[in-house]
Amino acid sequence: MTDYCSANGCRVLGNMIQEYWRRLGHNTVKLYFIPEYVKDPKATKATYYCIRSNMTNGLPANATDRTRDQIKAQNKERARR
């Protein structure tokens, strides 16, 4: 089991998220890895890492620009593959 809160795990999870959206045709998802320090102000190493993105309401920014017809056509094309 991978620890997705560590620095390496955060990168792995970020890559999986980007690959998922890339397969769906969205190459514009940007991810930001933010170290979080919890309850130990003297900590020299981050306690865990968070992922932030430029997505809006859980969707890539350009996903809301497409019309329903475009999305249906794209889904039909994927179903044929």
C-alpha atoms as a PDB file:
ATOM      1  CA  MET A   1       0.000   0.000   0.000  1.00  0.00           C
ATOM      2  CA  THR A   2       1.367   3.390  -0.977  1.00  0.00           C
ATOM      3  CA  ASP A   3       1.462   6.273   1.475  1.00  0.00           C
ATOM      4  CA  TYR A   4      -0.002   9.070  -0.645  1.00  0.00           C
ATOM      5  CA  CYS A   5       0.727  11.660   2.054  1.00  0.00           C
ATOM      6  CA  SER A   6       4.513  11.359   1.731  1.00  0.00           C
ATOM      7  CA  ALA A   7       6.463  13.417  -0.797  1.00  0.00           C
ATOM      8  CA  ASN A   8       6.933  10.471  -3.179  1.00  0.00           C
ATOM      9  CA  GLY A   9       3.392   9.189  -2.672  1.00  0.00           C
ATOM     10  CA  CYS A  10       2.018  12.648  -3.400  1.00  0.00           C
ATOM     11  CA  ARG A  11       3.876  12.725  -6.718  1.00  0.00           C
ATOM     12  CA  VAL A  12       2.627   9.241  -7.611  1.00  0.00           C
ATOM     13  CA  LEU A  13      -0.964  10.229  -6.813  1.00  0.00           C
ATOM     14  CA  GLY A  14      -0.553  13.462  -8.788  1.00  0.00           C
ATOM     15  CA  ASN A  15       0.719  11.545 -11.804  1.00  0.00           C
ATOM     16  CA  MET A  16      -2.246   9.160 -11.616  1.00  0.00           C
ATOM     17  CA  ILE A  17      -4.681  12.098 -11.482  1.00  0.00           C
ATOM     18  CA  GLN A  18      -3.035  13.826 -14.444  1.00  0.00           C
ATOM     19  CA  GLU A  19      -2.941  10.591 -16.462  1.00  0.00           C
ATOM     20  CA  TYR A  20      -6.640   9.968 -15.765  1.00  0.00           C
ATOM     21  CA  TRP A  21      -7.644  13.402 -17.062  1.00  0.00           C
ATOM     22  CA  ARG A  22      -5.199  13.142 -19.986  1.00  0.00           C
ATOM     23  CA  ARG A  23      -6.903   9.907 -21.103  1.00  0.00           C
ATOM     24  CA  LEU A  24     -10.198  11.800 -21.056  1.00  0.00           C
ATOM     25  CA  GLY A  25      -8.752  14.490 -23.303  1.00  0.00           C
ATOM     26  CA  HIS A  26      -7.856  17.186 -20.770  1.00  0.00           C
ATOM     27  CA  ASN A  27      -4.178  18.093 -20.891  1.00  0.00           C
ATOM     28  CA  THR A  28      -4.571  21.289 -18.889  1.00  0.00           C
ATOM     29  CA  VAL A  29      -4.813  19.936 -15.317  1.00  0.00           C
ATOM     30  CA  LYS A  30      -2.104  21.591 -13.225  1.00  0.00           C
ATOM     31  CA  LEU A  31      -1.218  20.134  -9.839  1.00  0.00           C
ATOM     32  CA  TYR A  32       0.589  21.834  -6.973  1.00  0.00           C
ATOM     33  CA  PHE A  33       2.257  19.894  -4.161  1.00  0.00           C
ATOM     34  CA  ILE A  34       2.073  21.712  -0.846  1.00  0.00           C
ATOM     35  CA  PRO A  35       3.985  20.570   2.253  1.00  0.00           C
ATOM     36  CA  GLU A  36       1.984  20.734   5.482  1.00  0.00           C
ATOM     37  CA  TYR A  37       3.519  21.021   8.934  1.00  0.00           C
ATOM     38  CA  VAL A  38       1.282  19.784  11.747  1.00  0.00           C
ATOM     39  CA  LYS A  39       1.653  20.460  15.494  1.00  0.00           C
ATOM     40  CA  ASP A  40       5.422  20.706  15.356  1.00  0.00           C
ATOM     41  CA  PRO A  41       6.698  24.172  14.465  1.00  0.00           C
ATOM     42  CA  LYS A  42      10.290  22.925  14.836  1.00  0.00           C
ATOM     43  CA  ALA A  43       9.826  20.209  12.244  1.00  0.00           C
ATOM     44  CA  THR A  44      12.376  20.442   9.481  1.00  0.00           C
ATOM     45  CA  LYS A  45      10.496  17.974   7.315  1.00  0.00           C
ATOM     46  CA  ALA A  46       6.885  18.277   6.225  1.00  0.00           C
ATOM     47  CA  THR A  47       4.469  16.060   8.131  1.00  0.00           C
ATOM     48  CA  TYR A  48       2.451  15.360   5.001  1.00  0.00           C
ATOM     49  CA  TYR A  49       1.856  16.753   1.519  1.00  0.00           C
ATOM     50  CA  CYS A  50      -1.343  17.968  -0.112  1.00  0.00           C
ATOM     51  CA  ILE A  51      -2.255  18.213  -3.767  1.00  0.00           C
ATOM     52  CA  ARG A  52      -4.010  21.297  -5.073  1.00  0.00           C
ATOM     53  CA  SER A  53      -5.096  21.861  -8.654  1.00  0.00           C
ATOM     54  CA  ASN A  54      -6.572  24.357 -11.067  1.00  0.00           C
ATOM     55  CA  MET A  55      -9.749  22.274 -11.406  1.00  0.00           C
ATOM     56  CA  THR A  56     -13.148  23.874 -10.820  1.00  0.00           C
ATOM     57  CA  ASN A  57     -15.853  21.872  -9.037  1.00  0.00           C
ATOM     58  CA  GLY A  58     -13.830  18.715  -9.582  1.00  0.00           C
ATOM     59  CA  LEU A  59     -13.527  19.217 -13.347  1.00  0.00           C
ATOM     60  CA  PRO A  60     -10.685  20.585 -15.442  1.00  0.00           C
ATOM     61  CA  ALA A  61     -11.150  24.232 -16.329  1.00  0.00           C
ATOM     62  CA  ASN A  62     -11.619  23.516 -20.034  1.00  0.00           C
ATOM     63  CA  ALA A  63     -14.240  20.797 -19.390  1.00  0.00           C
ATOM     64  CA  THR A  64     -16.909  23.395 -18.737  1.00  0.00           C
ATOM     65  CA  ASP A  65     -16.189  25.097 -22.076  1.00  0.00           C
ATOM     66  CA  ARG A  66     -17.432  22.135 -24.115  1.00  0.00           C
ATOM     67  CA  THR A  67     -21.049  21.724 -25.079  1.00  0.00           C
ATOM     68  CA  ARG A  68     -23.131  18.649 -24.244  1.00  0.00           C
ATOM     69  CA  ASP A  69     -23.069  17.628 -27.910  1.00  0.00           C
ATOM     70  CA  GLN A  70     -19.274  17.718 -27.983  1.00  0.00           C
ATOM     71  CA  ILE A  71     -19.097  15.606 -24.829  1.00  0.00           C
ATOM     72  CA  LYS A  72     -21.607  13.057 -26.194  1.00  0.00           C
ATOM     73  CA  ALA A  73     -19.679  12.802 -29.473  1.00  0.00           C
ATOM     74  CA  GLN A  74     -16.428  12.264 -27.590  1.00  0.00           C
ATOM     75  CA  ASN A  75     -18.013   9.565 -25.389  1.00  0.00           C
ATOM     76  CA  LYS A  76     -19.377   7.756 -28.464  1.00  0.00           C
ATOM     77  CA  GLU A  77     -15.929   7.844 -30.040  1.00  0.00           C
ATOM     78  CA  ARG A  78     -14.377   6.370 -26.881  1.00  0.00           C
ATOM     79  CA  ALA A  79     -17.025   3.623 -26.762  1.00  0.00           C
ATOM     80  CA  ARG A  80     -16.036   2.516 -30.287  1.00  0.00           C
ATOM     81  CA  ARG A  81     -12.413   1.972 -29.276  1.00  0.00           C
END
